[in-house]
Structures are given as C-alpha cells and as structure tokens.
C-alpha cells in the first residue's frame, strides 16, 4: 500500500493499515518520523519515502516502480 501524506490523518491511517493482515508492505510519502519509528508490518518498519505530496511526477514514478496494490491519498492537493 502506498499512503500519500505526512500529517496526523496519515499517521492514523498508517496505524490502522499496519494492523491489517492483508497489508504486506506500507510506503508513506513523505510520512513523518513518528510513522517510521512507531509502526512495523510483518517485522518490517513502515518505509517513509522522501517524495513530497506536490511532486506528482515523482509519485507516479515511485508507484510504477513499486506497483502497490492500493494507493491511499490523505491530503486533497495531490488529487
């Protein structure tokens, strides 16, 4: 799962997503330090990706590389 955003809303979404047995990998772009240090999924840390929410070309490139099954967009601007 690719989660776009780095605020409190995305922190809460990351928390719930890591509790799902269906989520095998979680990337958060750009995420925040609390997400990286606090959450793990299948023994792996959630990966915060240094891509800003406004950098649509880089977000698309990242998504094409990693091929997440689902993308969740927190903030309105990237939509």
PDB file of N, CA and C in Angstrom:
ATOM      1  N   UNK A   1       0.852  -1.175   0.000  1.00  0.00           N
ATOM      2  CA  UNK A   1       0.000   0.000   0.000  1.00  0.00           C
ATOM      3  C   UNK A   1       0.895   1.235   0.000  1.00  0.00           C
ATOM      4  N   UNK A   2       0.537   2.196  -0.840  1.00  0.00           N
ATOM      5  CA  UNK A   2       1.209   3.493  -0.848  1.00  0.00           C
ATOM      6  C   UNK A   2       0.263   4.498  -0.221  1.00  0.00           C
ATOM      7  N   UNK A   3       0.699   5.123   0.853  1.00  0.00           N
ATOM      8  CA  UNK A   3      -0.076   6.142   1.556  1.00  0.00           C
ATOM      9  C   UNK A   3       0.594   7.487   1.305  1.00  0.00           C
ATOM     10  N   UNK A   4      -0.150   8.421   0.734  1.00  0.00           N
ATOM     11  CA  UNK A   4       0.407   9.729   0.406  1.00  0.00           C
ATOM     12  C   UNK A   4      -0.010  10.742   1.459  1.00  0.00           C
ATOM     13  N   UNK A   5       0.983  11.396   2.063  1.00  0.00           N
ATOM     14  CA  UNK A   5       0.736  12.416   3.068  1.00  0.00           C
ATOM     15  C   UNK A   5       1.672  12.240   4.248  1.00  0.00           C
ATOM     16  N   UNK A   6       1.682  13.217   5.138  1.00  0.00           N
ATOM     17  CA  UNK A   6       2.600  13.136   6.264  1.00  0.00           C
ATOM     18  C   UNK A   6       2.078  13.753   7.544  1.00  0.00           C
ATOM     19  N   UNK A   7       0.794  13.998   7.617  1.00  0.00           N
ATOM     20  CA  UNK A   7       0.226  14.630   8.803  1.00  0.00           C
ATOM     21  C   UNK A   7      -0.414  13.641   9.756  1.00  0.00           C
ATOM     22  N   UNK A   8      -1.216  14.168  10.650  1.00  0.00           N
ATOM     23  CA  UNK A   8      -1.889  13.345  11.649  1.00  0.00           C
ATOM     24  C   UNK A   8      -2.872  12.355  11.049  1.00  0.00           C
ATOM     25  N   UNK A   9      -3.570  12.766  10.006  1.00  0.00           N
ATOM     26  CA  UNK A   9      -4.520  11.870   9.329  1.00  0.00           C
ATOM     27  C   UNK A   9      -3.793  10.645   8.769  1.00  0.00           C
ATOM     28  N   UNK A  10      -2.647  10.883   8.128  1.00  0.00           N
ATOM     29  CA  UNK A  10      -1.882   9.787   7.548  1.00  0.00           C
ATOM     30  C   UNK A  10      -1.247   8.920   8.630  1.00  0.00           C
ATOM     31  N   UNK A  11      -0.893   9.537   9.752  1.00  0.00           N
ATOM     32  CA  UNK A  11      -0.369   8.785  10.893  1.00  0.00           C
ATOM     33  C   UNK A  11      -1.425   7.782  11.370  1.00  0.00           C
ATOM     34  N   UNK A  12      -2.668   8.247  11.505  1.00  0.00           N
ATOM     35  CA  UNK A  12      -3.761   7.366  11.935  1.00  0.00           C
ATOM     36  C   UNK A  12      -4.038   6.286  10.895  1.00  0.00           C
ATOM     37  N   UNK A  13      -4.014   6.649   9.615  1.00  0.00           N
ATOM     38  CA  UNK A  13      -4.230   5.657   8.558  1.00  0.00           C
ATOM     39  C   UNK A  13      -3.118   4.608   8.555  1.00  0.00           C
ATOM     40  N   UNK A  14      -1.874   5.043   8.727  1.00  0.00           N
ATOM     41  CA  UNK A  14      -0.751   4.100   8.774  1.00  0.00           C
ATOM     42  C   UNK A  14      -0.912   3.140   9.944  1.00  0.00           C
ATOM     43  N   UNK A  15      -1.339   3.657  11.077  1.00  0.00           N
ATOM     44  CA  UNK A  15      -1.552   2.822  12.263  1.00  0.00           C
ATOM     45  C   UNK A  15      -2.559   1.717  11.965  1.00  0.00           C
ATOM     46  N   UNK A  16      -3.686   2.080  11.350  1.00  0.00           N
ATOM     47  CA  UNK A  16      -4.709   1.077  11.045  1.00  0.00           C
ATOM     48  C   UNK A  16      -4.258   0.127   9.938  1.00  0.00           C
ATOM     49  N   UNK A  17      -3.591   0.643   8.925  1.00  0.00           N
ATOM     50  CA  UNK A  17      -3.138  -0.219   7.834  1.00  0.00           C
ATOM     51  C   UNK A  17      -2.143  -1.265   8.319  1.00  0.00           C
ATOM     52  N   UNK A  18      -1.274  -0.899   9.258  1.00  0.00           N
ATOM     53  CA  UNK A  18      -0.305  -1.877   9.766  1.00  0.00           C
ATOM     54  C   UNK A  18      -0.967  -2.964  10.597  1.00  0.00           C
ATOM     55  N   UNK A  19      -2.189  -2.750  11.030  1.00  0.00           N
ATOM     56  CA  UNK A  19      -2.909  -3.768  11.793  1.00  0.00           C
ATOM     57  C   UNK A  19      -3.595  -4.797  10.898  1.00  0.00           C
ATOM     58  N   UNK A  20      -3.676  -4.520   9.608  1.00  0.00           N
ATOM     59  CA  UNK A  20      -4.358  -5.423   8.686  1.00  0.00           C
ATOM     60  C   UNK A  20      -3.438  -6.551   8.238  1.00  0.00           C
ATOM     61  N   UNK A  21      -3.942  -7.762   8.279  1.00  0.00           N
ATOM     62  CA  UNK A  21      -3.176  -8.907   7.792  1.00  0.00           C
ATOM     63  C   UNK A  21      -3.044  -8.886   6.275  1.00  0.00           C
ATOM     64  N   UNK A  22      -3.889  -8.129   5.609  1.00  0.00           N
ATOM     65  CA  UNK A  22      -3.851  -8.050   4.148  1.00  0.00           C
ATOM     66  C   UNK A  22      -2.767  -7.107   3.636  1.00  0.00           C
ATOM     67  N   UNK A  23      -2.263  -6.246   4.494  1.00  0.00           N
ATOM     68  CA  UNK A  23      -1.216  -5.299   4.092  1.00  0.00           C
ATOM     69  C   UNK A  23       0.133  -5.950   4.351  1.00  0.00           C
ATOM     70  N   UNK A  24       0.875  -6.195   3.274  1.00  0.00           N
ATOM     71  CA  UNK A  24       2.182  -6.843   3.422  1.00  0.00           C
ATOM     72  C   UNK A  24       3.332  -5.846   3.390  1.00  0.00           C
ATOM     73  N   UNK A  25       3.103  -4.667   2.804  1.00  0.00           N
ATOM     74  CA  UNK A  25       4.133  -3.628   2.730  1.00  0.00           C
ATOM     75  C   UNK A  25       3.431  -2.283   2.726  1.00  0.00           C
ATOM     76  N   UNK A  26       4.003  -1.314   3.449  1.00  0.00           N
ATOM     77  CA  UNK A  26       3.422   0.025   3.502  1.00  0.00           C
ATOM     78  C   UNK A  26       4.508   1.062   3.270  1.00  0.00           C
ATOM     79  N   UNK A  27       4.314   1.873   2.234  1.00  0.00           N
ATOM     80  CA  UNK A  27       5.158   3.028   1.959  1.00  0.00           C
ATOM     81  C   UNK A  27       4.343   4.264   2.265  1.00  0.00           C
ATOM     82  N   UNK A  28       4.952   5.257   2.883  1.00  0.00           N
ATOM     83  CA  UNK A  28       4.276   6.521   3.164  1.00  0.00           C
ATOM     84  C   UNK A  28       5.122   7.641   2.564  1.00  0.00           C
ATOM     85  N   UNK A  29       4.501   8.445   1.702  1.00  0.00           N
ATOM     86  CA  UNK A  29       5.220   9.529   1.037  1.00  0.00           C
ATOM     87  C   UNK A  29       4.580  10.860   1.386  1.00  0.00           C
ATOM     88  N   UNK A  30       5.233  11.779   2.075  1.00  0.00           N
ATOM     89  CA  UNK A  30       6.577  11.647   2.613  1.00  0.00           C
ATOM     90  C   UNK A  30       6.614  11.019   4.008  1.00  0.00           C
ATOM     91  N   UNK A  31       5.473  10.884   4.662  1.00  0.00           N
ATOM     92  CA  UNK A  31       5.457  10.327   6.011  1.00  0.00           C
ATOM     93  C   UNK A  31       6.019  11.303   7.025  1.00  0.00           C
ATOM     94  N   UNK A  32       6.355  10.784   8.201  1.00  0.00           N
ATOM     95  CA  UNK A  32       6.974  11.594   9.249  1.00  0.00           C
ATOM     96  C   UNK A  32       7.738  10.676  10.197  1.00  0.00           C
ATOM     97  N   UNK A  33       8.539  11.264  11.053  1.00  0.00           N
ATOM     98  CA  UNK A  33       9.376  10.482  11.963  1.00  0.00           C
ATOM     99  C   UNK A  33       8.594   9.579  12.894  1.00  0.00           C
ATOM    100  N   UNK A  34       7.402   9.999  13.284  1.00  0.00           N
ATOM    101  CA  UNK A  34       6.573   9.170  14.156  1.00  0.00           C
ATOM    102  C   UNK A  34       6.119   7.895  13.479  1.00  0.00           C
ATOM    103  N   UNK A  35       5.815   7.982  12.208  1.00  0.00           N
ATOM    104  CA  UNK A  35       5.384   6.799  11.458  1.00  0.00           C
ATOM    105  C   UNK A  35       6.534   5.821  11.332  1.00  0.00           C
ATOM    106  N   UNK A  36       7.706   6.309  10.964  1.00  0.00           N
ATOM    107  CA  UNK A  36       8.862   5.436  10.764  1.00  0.00           C
ATOM    108  C   UNK A  36       9.239   4.706  12.042  1.00  0.00           C
ATOM    109  N   UNK A  37       9.282   5.408  13.149  1.00  0.00           N
ATOM    110  CA  UNK A  37       9.738   4.803  14.390  1.00  0.00           C
ATOM    111  C   UNK A  37       8.712   3.962  15.110  1.00  0.00           C
ATOM    112  N   UNK A  38       7.446   4.202  14.848  1.00  0.00           N
ATOM    113  CA  UNK A  38       6.395   3.590  15.655  1.00  0.00           C
ATOM    114  C   UNK A  38       5.792   2.321  15.065  1.00  0.00           C
ATOM    115  N   UNK A  39       5.699   2.249  13.751  1.00  0.00           N
ATOM    116  CA  UNK A  39       4.924   1.173  13.144  1.00  0.00           C
ATOM    117  C   UNK A  39       5.791   0.156  12.427  1.00  0.00           C
ATOM    118  N   UNK A  40       5.403  -1.103  12.539  1.00  0.00           N
ATOM    119  CA  UNK A  40       6.024  -2.168  11.766  1.00  0.00           C
ATOM    120  C   UNK A  40       4.928  -3.041  11.178  1.00  0.00           C
ATOM    121  N   UNK A  41       5.259  -3.723  10.113  1.00  0.00           N
ATOM    122  CA  UNK A  41       4.326  -4.659   9.489  1.00  0.00           C
ATOM    123  C   UNK A  41       5.131  -5.877   9.104  1.00  0.00           C
ATOM    124  N   UNK A  42       4.748  -7.039   9.604  1.00  0.00           N
ATOM    125  CA  UNK A  42       5.471  -8.284   9.348  1.00  0.00           C
ATOM    126  C   UNK A  42       6.950  -8.164   9.721  1.00  0.00           C
ATOM    127  N   UNK A  43       7.219  -7.473  10.821  1.00  0.00           N
ATOM    128  CA  UNK A  43       8.584  -7.315  11.288  1.00  0.00           C
ATOM    129  C   UNK A  43       9.382  -6.251  10.561  1.00  0.00           C
ATOM    130  N   UNK A  44       8.802  -5.631   9.562  1.00  0.00           N
ATOM    131  CA  UNK A  44       9.478  -4.583   8.802  1.00  0.00           C
ATOM    132  C   UNK A  44       8.952  -3.225   9.209  1.00  0.00           C
ATOM    133  N   UNK A  45       9.843  -2.254   9.246  1.00  0.00           N
ATOM    134  CA  UNK A  45       9.398  -0.888   9.501  1.00  0.00           C
ATOM    135  C   UNK A  45       8.615  -0.384   8.307  1.00  0.00           C
ATOM    136  N   UNK A  46       7.666   0.470   8.587  1.00  0.00           N
ATOM    137  CA  UNK A  46       6.975   1.168   7.518  1.00  0.00           C
ATOM    138  C   UNK A  46       8.000   2.086   6.869  1.00  0.00           C
ATOM    139  N   UNK A  47       8.019   2.130   5.559  1.00  0.00           N
ATOM    140  CA  UNK A  47       9.024   2.924   4.858  1.00  0.00           C
ATOM    141  C   UNK A  47       8.473   4.287   4.474  1.00  0.00           C
ATOM    142  N   UNK A  48       9.093   5.329   5.017  1.00  0.00           N
ATOM    143  CA  UNK A  48       8.754   6.690   4.608  1.00  0.00           C
ATOM    144  C   UNK A  48       9.630   7.041   3.415  1.00  0.00           C
ATOM    145  N   UNK A  49       8.996   7.517   2.366  1.00  0.00           N
ATOM    146  CA  UNK A  49       9.666   7.802   1.104  1.00  0.00           C
ATOM    147  C   UNK A  49       9.824   9.318   0.970  1.00  0.00           C
ATOM    148  N   UNK A  50      11.024   9.803   0.678  1.00  0.00           N
ATOM    149  CA  UNK A  50      11.238  11.253   0.602  1.00  0.00           C
ATOM    150  C   UNK A  50      10.702  11.870  -0.693  1.00  0.00           C
ATOM    151  N   UNK A  51       9.393  11.776  -0.874  1.00  0.00           N
ATOM    152  CA  UNK A  51       8.727  12.361  -2.036  1.00  0.00           C
ATOM    153  C   UNK A  51       7.605  13.244  -1.509  1.00  0.00           C
ATOM    154  N   UNK A  52       7.631  14.512  -1.873  1.00  0.00           N
ATOM    155  CA  UNK A  52       6.606  15.438  -1.409  1.00  0.00           C
ATOM    156  C   UNK A  52       5.250  15.160  -2.035  1.00  0.00           C
ATOM    157  N   UNK A  53       4.211  15.540  -1.342  1.00  0.00           N
ATOM    158  CA  UNK A  53       2.850  15.296  -1.831  1.00  0.00           C
ATOM    159  C   UNK A  53       2.531  16.104  -3.085  1.00  0.00           C
ATOM    160  N   UNK A  54       3.276  17.161  -3.342  1.00  0.00           N
ATOM    161  CA  UNK A  54       3.041  18.003  -4.521  1.00  0.00           C
ATOM    162  C   UNK A  54       3.859  17.557  -5.733  1.00  0.00           C
ATOM    163  N   UNK A  55       4.795  16.625  -5.538  1.00  0.00           N
ATOM    164  CA  UNK A  55       5.679  16.175  -6.621  1.00  0.00           C
ATOM    165  C   UNK A  55       5.030  15.006  -7.365  1.00  0.00           C
ATOM    166  N   UNK A  56       4.019  15.314  -8.154  1.00  0.00           N
ATOM    167  CA  UNK A  56       3.242  14.272  -8.824  1.00  0.00           C
ATOM    168  C   UNK A  56       4.068  13.410  -9.779  1.00  0.00           C
ATOM    169  N   UNK A  57       4.971  13.970 -10.594  1.00  0.00           N
ATOM    170  CA  UNK A  57       5.765  13.099 -11.469  1.00  0.00           C
ATOM    171  C   UNK A  57       6.593  12.071 -10.689  1.00  0.00           C
ATOM    172  N   UNK A  58       7.177  12.486  -9.574  1.00  0.00           N
ATOM    173  CA  UNK A  58       7.979  11.556  -8.774  1.00  0.00           C
ATOM    174  C   UNK A  58       7.096  10.526  -8.065  1.00  0.00           C
ATOM    175  N   UNK A  59       5.912  10.934  -7.612  1.00  0.00           N
ATOM    176  CA  UNK A  59       4.970   9.983  -7.012  1.00  0.00           C
ATOM    177  C   UNK A  59       4.550   8.923  -8.031  1.00  0.00           C
ATOM    178  N   UNK A  60       4.284   9.349  -9.252  1.00  0.00           N
ATOM    179  CA  UNK A  60       3.901   8.405 -10.314  1.00  0.00           C
ATOM    180  C   UNK A  60       5.053   7.451 -10.614  1.00  0.00           C
ATOM    181  N   UNK A  61       6.269   7.977 -10.702  1.00  0.00           N
ATOM    182  CA  UNK A  61       7.439   7.131 -10.949  1.00  0.00           C
ATOM    183  C   UNK A  61       7.609   6.105  -9.838  1.00  0.00           C
ATOM    184  N   UNK A  62       7.478   6.543  -8.594  1.00  0.00           N
ATOM    185  CA  UNK A  62       7.605   5.630  -7.456  1.00  0.00           C
ATOM    186  C   UNK A  62       6.535   4.538  -7.522  1.00  0.00           C
ATOM    187  N   UNK A  63       5.299   4.934  -7.796  1.00  0.00           N
ATOM    188  CA  UNK A  63       4.201   3.963  -7.862  1.00  0.00           C
ATOM    189  C   UNK A  63       4.414   2.959  -8.995  1.00  0.00           C
ATOM    190  N   UNK A  64       4.920   3.419 -10.108  1.00  0.00           N
ATOM    191  CA  UNK A  64       5.183   2.497 -11.228  1.00  0.00           C
ATOM    192  C   UNK A  64       6.295   1.514 -10.888  1.00  0.00           C
ATOM    193  N   UNK A  65       7.292   1.975 -10.139  1.00  0.00           N
ATOM    194  CA  UNK A  65       8.396   1.095  -9.723  1.00  0.00           C
ATOM    195  C   UNK A  65       7.943   0.050  -8.716  1.00  0.00           C
ATOM    196  N   UNK A  66       7.253   0.483  -7.679  1.00  0.00           N
ATOM    197  CA  UNK A  66       6.900  -0.398  -6.560  1.00  0.00           C
ATOM    198  C   UNK A  66       5.612  -1.185  -6.798  1.00  0.00           C
ATOM    199  N   UNK A  67       4.746  -0.679  -7.672  1.00  0.00           N
ATOM    200  CA  UNK A  67       3.494  -1.348  -8.012  1.00  0.00           C
ATOM    201  C   UNK A  67       2.626  -1.706  -6.794  1.00  0.00           C
ATOM    202  N   UNK A  68       2.263  -0.705  -5.987  1.00  0.00           N
ATOM    203  CA  UNK A  68       1.379  -1.011  -4.850  1.00  0.00           C
ATOM    204  C   UNK A  68       0.003  -1.452  -5.357  1.00  0.00           C
ATOM    205  N   UNK A  69      -0.639  -2.330  -4.613  1.00  0.00           N
ATOM    206  CA  UNK A  69      -1.988  -2.777  -4.974  1.00  0.00           C
ATOM    207  C   UNK A  69      -3.026  -1.703  -4.694  1.00  0.00           C
ATOM    208  N   UNK A  70      -2.714  -0.794  -3.786  1.00  0.00           N
ATOM    209  CA  UNK A  70      -3.650   0.247  -3.381  1.00  0.00           C
ATOM    210  C   UNK A  70      -2.869   1.510  -3.049  1.00  0.00           C
ATOM    211  N   UNK A  71      -3.402   2.656  -3.453  1.00  0.00           N
ATOM    212  CA  UNK A  71      -2.843   3.946  -3.058  1.00  0.00           C
ATOM    213  C   UNK A  71      -3.917   4.720  -2.314  1.00  0.00           C
ATOM    214  N   UNK A  72      -3.569   5.200  -1.128  1.00  0.00           N
ATOM    215  CA  UNK A  72      -4.485   5.999  -0.310  1.00  0.00           C
ATOM    216  C   UNK A  72      -3.916   7.409  -0.261  1.00  0.00           C
ATOM    217  N   UNK A  73      -4.725   8.390  -0.661  1.00  0.00           N
ATOM    218  CA  UNK A  73      -4.276   9.780  -0.684  1.00  0.00           C
ATOM    219  C   UNK A  73      -4.947  10.519   0.460  1.00  0.00           C
ATOM    220  N   UNK A  74      -4.143  11.035   1.395  1.00  0.00           N
ATOM    221  CA  UNK A  74      -4.686  11.757   2.541  1.00  0.00           C
ATOM    222  C   UNK A  74      -5.047  13.194   2.222  1.00  0.00           C
ATOM    223  N   UNK A  75      -4.078  14.021   1.790  1.00  0.00           N
ATOM    224  CA  UNK A  75      -4.386  15.427   1.530  1.00  0.00           C
ATOM    225  C   UNK A  75      -5.118  15.610   0.196  1.00  0.00           C
ATOM    226  N   UNK A  76      -5.842  16.704   0.070  1.00  0.00           N
ATOM    227  CA  UNK A  76      -6.628  16.966  -1.137  1.00  0.00           C
ATOM    228  C   UNK A  76      -5.777  17.379  -2.333  1.00  0.00           C
ATOM    229  N   UNK A  77      -4.702  18.107  -2.117  1.00  0.00           N
ATOM    230  CA  UNK A  77      -3.929  18.683  -3.224  1.00  0.00           C
ATOM    231  C   UNK A  77      -3.430  17.670  -4.252  1.00  0.00           C
ATOM    232  N   UNK A  78      -2.899  16.503  -3.869  1.00  0.00           N
ATOM    233  CA  UNK A  78      -2.425  15.568  -4.893  1.00  0.00           C
ATOM    234  C   UNK A  78      -3.543  15.010  -5.779  1.00  0.00           C
ATOM    235  N   UNK A  79      -4.778  15.083  -5.303  1.00  0.00           N
ATOM    236  CA  UNK A  79      -5.881  14.574  -6.115  1.00  0.00           C
ATOM    237  C   UNK A  79      -6.128  15.478  -7.297  1.00  0.00           C
TER     238      UNK A  79
END
